PDB file of all heavy atoms in Angstrom:
ATOM      1  N   GLU A   1      -5.320  -3.132  11.654  1.00  0.00           N
ATOM      2  CA  GLU A   1      -4.206  -3.866  11.053  1.00  0.00           C
ATOM      3  C   GLU A   1      -4.614  -4.484   9.720  1.00  0.00           C
ATOM      4  O   GLU A   1      -3.848  -4.467   8.748  1.00  0.00           O
ATOM      5  CB  GLU A   1      -3.717  -4.948  12.008  1.00  0.00           C
ATOM      6  CG  GLU A   1      -2.500  -5.724  11.508  1.00  0.00           C
ATOM      7  CD  GLU A   1      -2.009  -6.749  12.512  1.00  0.00           C
ATOM      8  OE1 GLU A   1      -2.558  -6.804  13.634  1.00  0.00           O
ATOM      9  OE2 GLU A   1      -1.067  -7.498  12.175  1.00  0.00           O
ATOM     10  N   SER A   2      -5.833  -5.011   9.656  1.00  0.00           N
ATOM     11  CA  SER A   2      -6.315  -5.632   8.425  1.00  0.00           C
ATOM     12  C   SER A   2      -6.568  -4.594   7.333  1.00  0.00           C
ATOM     13  O   SER A   2      -6.351  -4.858   6.145  1.00  0.00           O
ATOM     14  CB  SER A   2      -7.592  -6.429   8.691  1.00  0.00           C
ATOM     15  OG  SER A   2      -7.350  -7.475   9.614  1.00  0.00           O
ATOM     16  N   VAL A   3      -7.045  -3.407   7.724  1.00  0.00           N
ATOM     17  CA  VAL A   3      -7.227  -2.324   6.756  1.00  0.00           C
ATOM     18  C   VAL A   3      -5.892  -1.961   6.111  1.00  0.00           C
ATOM     19  O   VAL A   3      -5.783  -1.841   4.886  1.00  0.00           O
ATOM     20  CB  VAL A   3      -7.850  -1.088   7.433  1.00  0.00           C
ATOM     21  CG1 VAL A   3      -7.747   0.137   6.526  1.00  0.00           C
ATOM     22  CG2 VAL A   3      -9.305  -1.343   7.780  1.00  0.00           C
ATOM     23  N   VAL A   4      -4.869  -1.798   6.948  1.00  0.00           N
ATOM     24  CA  VAL A   4      -3.541  -1.461   6.428  1.00  0.00           C
ATOM     25  C   VAL A   4      -3.054  -2.557   5.490  1.00  0.00           C
ATOM     26  O   VAL A   4      -2.510  -2.288   4.406  1.00  0.00           O
ATOM     27  CB  VAL A   4      -2.548  -1.241   7.583  1.00  0.00           C
ATOM     28  CG1 VAL A   4      -1.133  -1.037   7.045  1.00  0.00           C
ATOM     29  CG2 VAL A   4      -2.961  -0.029   8.418  1.00  0.00           C
ATOM     30  N   SER A   5      -3.262  -3.816   5.876  1.00  0.00           N
ATOM     31  CA  SER A   5      -2.813  -4.939   5.062  1.00  0.00           C
ATOM     32  C   SER A   5      -3.515  -4.954   3.703  1.00  0.00           C
ATOM     33  O   SER A   5      -2.868  -5.153   2.658  1.00  0.00           O
ATOM     34  CB  SER A   5      -3.072  -6.247   5.813  1.00  0.00           C
ATOM     35  OG  SER A   5      -2.679  -7.358   5.034  1.00  0.00           O
ATOM     36  N   GLU A   6      -4.823  -4.750   3.687  1.00  0.00           N
ATOM     37  CA  GLU A   6      -5.560  -4.771   2.416  1.00  0.00           C
ATOM     38  C   GLU A   6      -5.150  -3.610   1.516  1.00  0.00           C
ATOM     39  O   GLU A   6      -5.020  -3.759   0.296  1.00  0.00           O
ATOM     40  CB  GLU A   6      -7.065  -4.744   2.673  1.00  0.00           C
ATOM     41  CG  GLU A   6      -7.590  -6.034   3.271  1.00  0.00           C
ATOM     42  CD  GLU A   6      -8.948  -6.435   2.731  1.00  0.00           C
ATOM     43  OE1 GLU A   6      -9.471  -5.774   1.805  1.00  0.00           O
ATOM     44  OE2 GLU A   6      -9.488  -7.433   3.237  1.00  0.00           O
ATOM     45  N   LEU A   7      -4.943  -2.447   2.101  1.00  0.00           N
ATOM     46  CA  LEU A   7      -4.536  -1.305   1.291  1.00  0.00           C
ATOM     47  C   LEU A   7      -3.105  -1.464   0.779  1.00  0.00           C
ATOM     48  O   LEU A   7      -2.764  -0.963  -0.293  1.00  0.00           O
ATOM     49  CB  LEU A   7      -4.699  -0.008   2.083  1.00  0.00           C
ATOM     50  CG  LEU A   7      -6.159   0.391   2.340  1.00  0.00           C
ATOM     51  CD1 LEU A   7      -6.223   1.653   3.181  1.00  0.00           C
ATOM     52  CD2 LEU A   7      -6.916   0.607   1.025  1.00  0.00           C
ATOM     53  N   ARG A   8      -2.281  -2.180   1.527  1.00  0.00           N
ATOM     54  CA  ARG A   8      -0.942  -2.487   1.023  1.00  0.00           C
ATOM     55  C   ARG A   8      -1.023  -3.368  -0.223  1.00  0.00           C
ATOM     56  O   ARG A   8      -0.251  -3.203  -1.163  1.00  0.00           O
ATOM     57  CB  ARG A   8      -0.117  -3.188   2.108  1.00  0.00           C
ATOM     58  CG  ARG A   8       0.453  -2.232   3.143  1.00  0.00           C
ATOM     59  CD  ARG A   8       1.182  -2.976   4.236  1.00  0.00           C
ATOM     60  NE  ARG A   8       1.776  -2.038   5.190  1.00  0.00           N
ATOM     61  CZ  ARG A   8       2.190  -2.373   6.410  1.00  0.00           C
ATOM     62  NH1 ARG A   8       2.056  -3.631   6.824  1.00  0.00           N
ATOM     63  NH2 ARG A   8       2.704  -1.471   7.210  1.00  0.00           N
ATOM     64  N   GLU A   9      -1.953  -4.314  -0.218  1.00  0.00           N
ATOM     65  CA  GLU A   9      -2.148  -5.151  -1.399  1.00  0.00           C
ATOM     66  C   GLU A   9      -2.618  -4.300  -2.575  1.00  0.00           C
ATOM     67  O   GLU A   9      -2.186  -4.524  -3.721  1.00  0.00           O
ATOM     68  CB  GLU A   9      -3.152  -6.259  -1.092  1.00  0.00           C
ATOM     69  CG  GLU A   9      -2.642  -7.298  -0.096  1.00  0.00           C
ATOM     70  CD  GLU A   9      -3.675  -8.375   0.184  1.00  0.00           C
ATOM     71  OE1 GLU A   9      -4.739  -8.373  -0.481  1.00  0.00           O
ATOM     72  OE2 GLU A   9      -3.418  -9.223   1.055  1.00  0.00           O
ATOM     73  N   GLN A  10      -3.495  -3.346  -2.310  1.00  0.00           N
ATOM     74  CA  GLN A  10      -3.940  -2.456  -3.375  1.00  0.00           C
ATOM     75  C   GLN A  10      -2.782  -1.621  -3.908  1.00  0.00           C
ATOM     76  O   GLN A  10      -2.654  -1.410  -5.120  1.00  0.00           O
ATOM     77  CB  GLN A  10      -5.060  -1.552  -2.876  1.00  0.00           C
ATOM     78  CG  GLN A  10      -6.364  -2.271  -2.607  1.00  0.00           C
ATOM     79  CD  GLN A  10      -7.491  -1.319  -2.257  1.00  0.00           C
ATOM     80  OE1 GLN A  10      -7.444  -0.126  -2.584  1.00  0.00           O
ATOM     81  NE2 GLN A  10      -8.515  -1.825  -1.589  1.00  0.00           N
ATOM     82  N   ALA A  11      -1.938  -1.146  -2.998  1.00  0.00           N
ATOM     83  CA  ALA A  11      -0.776  -0.354  -3.412  1.00  0.00           C
ATOM     84  C   ALA A  11       0.154  -1.188  -4.291  1.00  0.00           C
ATOM     85  O   ALA A  11       0.689  -0.689  -5.298  1.00  0.00           O
ATOM     86  CB  ALA A  11      -0.025   0.162  -2.190  1.00  0.00           C
ATOM     87  N   GLN A  12       0.337  -2.447  -3.949  1.00  0.00           N
ATOM     88  CA  GLN A  12       1.186  -3.314  -4.756  1.00  0.00           C
ATOM     89  C   GLN A  12       0.591  -3.514  -6.138  1.00  0.00           C
ATOM     90  O   GLN A  12       1.313  -3.512  -7.149  1.00  0.00           O
ATOM     91  CB  GLN A  12       1.364  -4.665  -4.056  1.00  0.00           C
ATOM     92  CG  GLN A  12       2.303  -5.626  -4.770  1.00  0.00           C
ATOM     93  CD  GLN A  12       3.722  -5.108  -4.837  1.00  0.00           C
ATOM     94  OE1 GLN A  12       4.255  -4.616  -3.855  1.00  0.00           O
ATOM     95  NE2 GLN A  12       4.344  -5.204  -6.014  1.00  0.00           N
ATOM     96  N   ALA A  13      -0.734  -3.681  -6.200  1.00  0.00           N
ATOM     97  CA  ALA A  13      -1.396  -3.857  -7.498  1.00  0.00           C
ATOM     98  C   ALA A  13      -1.257  -2.605  -8.357  1.00  0.00           C
ATOM     99  O   ALA A  13      -1.032  -2.691  -9.577  1.00  0.00           O
ATOM    100  CB  ALA A  13      -2.872  -4.201  -7.290  1.00  0.00           C
ATOM    101  N   ILE A  14      -1.391  -1.429  -7.739  1.00  0.00           N
ATOM    102  CA  ILE A  14      -1.206  -0.175  -8.478  1.00  0.00           C
ATOM    103  C   ILE A  14       0.224  -0.071  -8.997  1.00  0.00           C
ATOM    104  O   ILE A  14       0.472   0.255 -10.168  1.00  0.00           O
ATOM    105  CB  ILE A  14      -1.541   1.031  -7.584  1.00  0.00           C
ATOM    106  CG1 ILE A  14      -3.041   1.045  -7.251  1.00  0.00           C
ATOM    107  CG2 ILE A  14      -1.141   2.343  -8.266  1.00  0.00           C
ATOM    108  CD1 ILE A  14      -3.415   2.061  -6.193  1.00  0.00           C
ATOM    109  N   TYR A  15       1.178  -0.366  -8.127  1.00  0.00           N
ATOM    110  CA  TYR A  15       2.593  -0.322  -8.506  1.00  0.00           C
ATOM    111  C   TYR A  15       2.875  -1.259  -9.678  1.00  0.00           C
ATOM    112  O   TYR A  15       3.569  -0.897 -10.639  1.00  0.00           O
ATOM    113  CB  TYR A  15       3.458  -0.698  -7.309  1.00  0.00           C
ATOM    114  CG  TYR A  15       4.907  -0.944  -7.641  1.00  0.00           C
ATOM    115  CD1 TYR A  15       5.789   0.115  -7.822  1.00  0.00           C
ATOM    116  CD2 TYR A  15       5.390  -2.247  -7.786  1.00  0.00           C
ATOM    117  CE1 TYR A  15       7.122  -0.119  -8.137  1.00  0.00           C
ATOM    118  CE2 TYR A  15       6.706  -2.489  -8.102  1.00  0.00           C
ATOM    119  CZ  TYR A  15       7.571  -1.422  -8.274  1.00  0.00           C
ATOM    120  OH  TYR A  15       8.886  -1.658  -8.605  1.00  0.00           O
ATOM    121  N   ASP A  16       2.330  -2.470  -9.613  1.00  0.00           N
ATOM    122  CA  ASP A  16       2.570  -3.459 -10.658  1.00  0.00           C
ATOM    123  C   ASP A  16       1.990  -3.040 -12.009  1.00  0.00           C
ATOM    124  O   ASP A  16       2.478  -3.475 -13.056  1.00  0.00           O
ATOM    125  CB  ASP A  16       1.965  -4.811 -10.258  1.00  0.00           C
ATOM    126  CG  ASP A  16       2.714  -5.476  -9.111  1.00  0.00           C
ATOM    127  OD1 ASP A  16       3.874  -5.097  -8.860  1.00  0.00           O
ATOM    128  OD2 ASP A  16       2.128  -6.362  -8.452  1.00  0.00           O
ATOM    129  N   SER A  17       0.956  -2.199 -11.977  1.00  0.00           N
ATOM    130  CA  SER A  17       0.265  -1.833 -13.218  1.00  0.00           C
ATOM    131  C   SER A  17       0.740  -0.500 -13.804  1.00  0.00           C
ATOM    132  O   SER A  17       0.290  -0.113 -14.878  1.00  0.00           O
ATOM    133  CB  SER A  17      -1.247  -1.747 -12.965  1.00  0.00           C
ATOM    134  OG  SER A  17      -1.559  -0.645 -12.109  1.00  0.00           O
ATOM    135  N   ARG A  18       1.655   0.170 -13.113  1.00  0.00           N
ATOM    136  CA  ARG A  18       2.068   1.510 -13.556  1.00  0.00           C
ATOM    137  C   ARG A  18       3.567   1.549 -13.837  1.00  0.00           C
ATOM    138  O   ARG A  18       4.369   0.947 -13.120  1.00  0.00           O
ATOM    139  CB  ARG A  18       1.743   2.548 -12.466  1.00  0.00           C
ATOM    140  CG  ARG A  18       0.282   2.608 -12.042  1.00  0.00           C
ATOM    141  CD  ARG A  18      -0.536   3.439 -13.007  1.00  0.00           C
ATOM    142  NE  ARG A  18      -0.202   4.834 -12.937  1.00  0.00           N
ATOM    143  CZ  ARG A  18      -0.945   5.760 -12.299  1.00  0.00           C
ATOM    144  NH1 ARG A  18      -2.054   5.402 -11.673  1.00  0.00           N
ATOM    145  NH2 ARG A  18      -0.594   7.028 -12.307  1.00  0.00           N
ATOM    146  N   ARG A  19       3.926   2.302 -14.870  1.00  0.00           N
ATOM    147  CA  ARG A  19       5.340   2.507 -15.166  1.00  0.00           C
ATOM    148  C   ARG A  19       5.855   3.835 -14.644  1.00  0.00           C
ATOM    149  O   ARG A  19       7.054   4.128 -14.756  1.00  0.00           O
ATOM    150  CB  ARG A  19       5.567   2.425 -16.679  1.00  0.00           C
ATOM    151  CG  ARG A  19       5.296   1.047 -17.277  1.00  0.00           C
ATOM    152  CD  ARG A  19       5.672   0.996 -18.740  1.00  0.00           C
ATOM    153  NE  ARG A  19       5.466  -0.339 -19.296  1.00  0.00           N
ATOM    154  CZ  ARG A  19       5.748  -0.670 -20.561  1.00  0.00           C
ATOM    155  NH1 ARG A  19       6.233   0.271 -21.375  1.00  0.00           N
ATOM    156  NH2 ARG A  19       5.546  -1.888 -20.990  1.00  0.00           N
ATOM    157  N   ASP A  20       4.959   4.648 -14.118  1.00  0.00           N
ATOM    158  CA  ASP A  20       5.362   5.968 -13.630  1.00  0.00           C
ATOM    159  C   ASP A  20       5.518   5.988 -12.118  1.00  0.00           C
ATOM    160  O   ASP A  20       5.614   7.055 -11.505  1.00  0.00           O
ATOM    161  CB  ASP A  20       4.343   7.031 -14.054  1.00  0.00           C
ATOM    162  CG  ASP A  20       2.939   6.732 -13.553  1.00  0.00           C
ATOM    163  OD1 ASP A  20       2.664   5.563 -13.221  1.00  0.00           O
ATOM    164  OD2 ASP A  20       2.119   7.661 -13.490  1.00  0.00           O
ATOM    165  N   ILE A  21       5.571   4.814 -11.473  1.00  0.00           N
ATOM    166  CA  ILE A  21       5.716   4.721 -10.022  1.00  0.00           C
ATOM    167  C   ILE A  21       6.902   3.816  -9.702  1.00  0.00           C
ATOM    168  O   ILE A  21       6.986   2.698 -10.207  1.00  0.00           O
ATOM    169  CB  ILE A  21       4.442   4.157  -9.355  1.00  0.00           C
ATOM    170  CG1 ILE A  21       3.264   5.106  -9.571  1.00  0.00           C
ATOM    171  CG2 ILE A  21       4.671   3.924  -7.858  1.00  0.00           C
ATOM    172  CD1 ILE A  21       1.951   4.570  -9.041  1.00  0.00           C
ATOM    173  N   ASP A  22       7.815   4.294  -8.872  1.00  0.00           N
ATOM    174  CA  ASP A  22       8.971   3.501  -8.453  1.00  0.00           C
ATOM    175  C   ASP A  22       8.785   2.883  -7.073  1.00  0.00           C
ATOM    176  O   ASP A  22       9.445   1.893  -6.752  1.00  0.00           O
ATOM    177  CB  ASP A  22      10.239   4.366  -8.454  1.00  0.00           C
ATOM    178  CG  ASP A  22      10.690   4.715  -9.861  1.00  0.00           C
ATOM    179  OD1 ASP A  22      10.361   3.952 -10.797  1.00  0.00           O
ATOM    180  OD2 ASP A  22      11.362   5.750 -10.035  1.00  0.00           O
ATOM    181  N   ALA A  23       7.926   3.467  -6.254  1.00  0.00           N
ATOM    182  CA  ALA A  23       7.659   2.900  -4.924  1.00  0.00           C
ATOM    183  C   ALA A  23       6.349   3.470  -4.408  1.00  0.00           C
ATOM    184  O   ALA A  23       6.089   4.669  -4.538  1.00  0.00           O
ATOM    185  CB  ALA A  23       8.792   3.211  -3.949  1.00  0.00           C
ATOM    186  N   LEU A  24       5.516   2.591  -3.827  1.00  0.00           N
ATOM    187  CA  LEU A  24       4.233   3.012  -3.278  1.00  0.00           C
ATOM    188  C   LEU A  24       3.940   2.151  -2.054  1.00  0.00           C
ATOM    189  O   LEU A  24       3.843   0.925  -2.168  1.00  0.00           O
ATOM    190  CB  LEU A  24       3.120   2.855  -4.309  1.00  0.00           C
ATOM    191  CG  LEU A  24       1.727   3.325  -3.896  1.00  0.00           C
ATOM    192  CD1 LEU A  24       1.711   4.834  -3.642  1.00  0.00           C
ATOM    193  CD2 LEU A  24       0.700   2.964  -4.977  1.00  0.00           C
ATOM    194  N   LYS A  25       3.825   2.778  -0.891  1.00  0.00           N
ATOM    195  CA  LYS A  25       3.646   2.053   0.353  1.00  0.00           C
ATOM    196  C   LYS A  25       2.465   2.612   1.142  1.00  0.00           C
ATOM    197  O   LYS A  25       2.135   3.801   1.045  1.00  0.00           O
ATOM    198  CB  LYS A  25       4.902   2.139   1.224  1.00  0.00           C
ATOM    199  CG  LYS A  25       6.154   1.537   0.597  1.00  0.00           C
ATOM    200  CD  LYS A  25       6.060   0.038   0.450  1.00  0.00           C
ATOM    201  CE  LYS A  25       7.361  -0.544  -0.087  1.00  0.00           C
ATOM    202  NZ  LYS A  25       7.270  -2.011  -0.278  1.00  0.00           N
ATOM    203  N   VAL A  26       1.846   1.732   1.931  1.00  0.00           N
ATOM    204  CA  VAL A  26       0.841   2.129   2.915  1.00  0.00           C
ATOM    205  C   VAL A  26       1.402   1.810   4.290  1.00  0.00           C
ATOM    206  O   VAL A  26       1.897   0.705   4.522  1.00  0.00           O
ATOM    207  CB  VAL A  26      -0.495   1.389   2.693  1.00  0.00           C
ATOM    208  CG1 VAL A  26      -1.500   1.770   3.784  1.00  0.00           C
ATOM    209  CG2 VAL A  26      -1.055   1.718   1.319  1.00  0.00           C
ATOM    210  N   PHE A  27       1.319   2.782   5.181  1.00  0.00           N
ATOM    211  CA  PHE A  27       1.997   2.694   6.473  1.00  0.00           C
ATOM    212  C   PHE A  27       0.988   2.981   7.576  1.00  0.00           C
ATOM    213  O   PHE A  27       0.247   3.964   7.503  1.00  0.00           O
ATOM    214  CB  PHE A  27       3.131   3.727   6.507  1.00  0.00           C
ATOM    215  CG  PHE A  27       4.154   3.477   7.568  1.00  0.00           C
ATOM    216  CD1 PHE A  27       5.269   2.721   7.286  1.00  0.00           C
ATOM    217  CD2 PHE A  27       3.973   3.976   8.846  1.00  0.00           C
ATOM    218  CE1 PHE A  27       6.217   2.474   8.276  1.00  0.00           C
ATOM    219  CE2 PHE A  27       4.914   3.739   9.827  1.00  0.00           C
ATOM    220  CZ  PHE A  27       6.051   2.992   9.538  1.00  0.00           C
ATOM    221  N   GLY A  28       0.931   2.122   8.589  1.00  0.00           N
ATOM    222  CA  GLY A  28      -0.014   2.315   9.675  1.00  0.00           C
ATOM    223  C   GLY A  28       0.648   2.633  11.006  1.00  0.00           C
ATOM    224  O   GLY A  28       1.674   2.034  11.350  1.00  0.00           O
ATOM    225  N   ILE A  29       0.071   3.584  11.743  1.00  0.00           N
ATOM    226  CA  ILE A  29       0.523   3.916  13.100  1.00  0.00           C
ATOM    227  C   ILE A  29      -0.682   3.823  14.018  1.00  0.00           C
ATOM    228  O   ILE A  29      -1.673   4.541  13.841  1.00  0.00           O
ATOM    229  CB  ILE A  29       1.143   5.328  13.172  1.00  0.00           C
ATOM    230  CG1 ILE A  29       2.308   5.465  12.195  1.00  0.00           C
ATOM    231  CG2 ILE A  29       1.604   5.628  14.600  1.00  0.00           C
ATOM    232  CD1 ILE A  29       2.910   6.859  12.142  1.00  0.00           C
ATOM    233  N   ASP A  30      -0.614   2.934  15.004  1.00  0.00           N
ATOM    234  CA  ASP A  30      -1.751   2.680  15.884  1.00  0.00           C
ATOM    235  C   ASP A  30      -1.522   3.357  17.239  1.00  0.00           C
ATOM    236  O   ASP A  30      -0.647   2.944  18.004  1.00  0.00           O
ATOM    237  CB  ASP A  30      -1.937   1.176  16.075  1.00  0.00           C
ATOM    238  CG  ASP A  30      -3.288   0.841  16.678  1.00  0.00           C
ATOM    239  OD1 ASP A  30      -3.934   1.752  17.235  1.00  0.00           O
ATOM    240  OD2 ASP A  30      -3.688  -0.334  16.611  1.00  0.00           O
ATOM    241  N   PHE A  31      -2.311   4.373  17.520  1.00  0.00           N
ATOM    242  CA  PHE A  31      -2.181   5.116  18.777  1.00  0.00           C
ATOM    243  C   PHE A  31      -2.950   4.447  19.924  1.00  0.00           C
ATOM    244  O   PHE A  31      -2.948   4.969  21.038  1.00  0.00           O
ATOM    245  CB  PHE A  31      -2.676   6.547  18.594  1.00  0.00           C
ATOM    246  CG  PHE A  31      -1.723   7.430  17.843  1.00  0.00           C
ATOM    247  CD1 PHE A  31      -1.674   7.406  16.462  1.00  0.00           C
ATOM    248  CD2 PHE A  31      -0.865   8.303  18.510  1.00  0.00           C
ATOM    249  CE1 PHE A  31      -0.798   8.209  15.754  1.00  0.00           C
ATOM    250  CE2 PHE A  31       0.008   9.106  17.822  1.00  0.00           C
ATOM    251  CZ  PHE A  31       0.049   9.063  16.441  1.00  0.00           C
ATOM    252  N   THR A  32      -3.615   3.319  19.662  1.00  0.00           N
ATOM    253  CA  THR A  32      -4.421   2.685  20.700  1.00  0.00           C
ATOM    254  C   THR A  32      -3.707   1.551  21.425  1.00  0.00           C
ATOM    255  O   THR A  32      -4.221   1.030  22.400  1.00  0.00           O
ATOM    256  CB  THR A  32      -5.727   2.126  20.122  1.00  0.00           C
ATOM    257  OG1 THR A  32      -5.446   0.996  19.288  1.00  0.00           O
ATOM    258  CG2 THR A  32      -6.465   3.193  19.314  1.00  0.00           C
TER     259      THR A  32
END
C-alpha cells in the first residue's frame, strides 16, 4: 500500500512538470 502511495506522489510530480500529459495514475491491486 505504501509503495502504491509513494509512486502516486511521483506520478503527480511528473504530471505537474509536464505539458504533454493530461492524466497519470498509479493503481494497485492486492491479491493477498
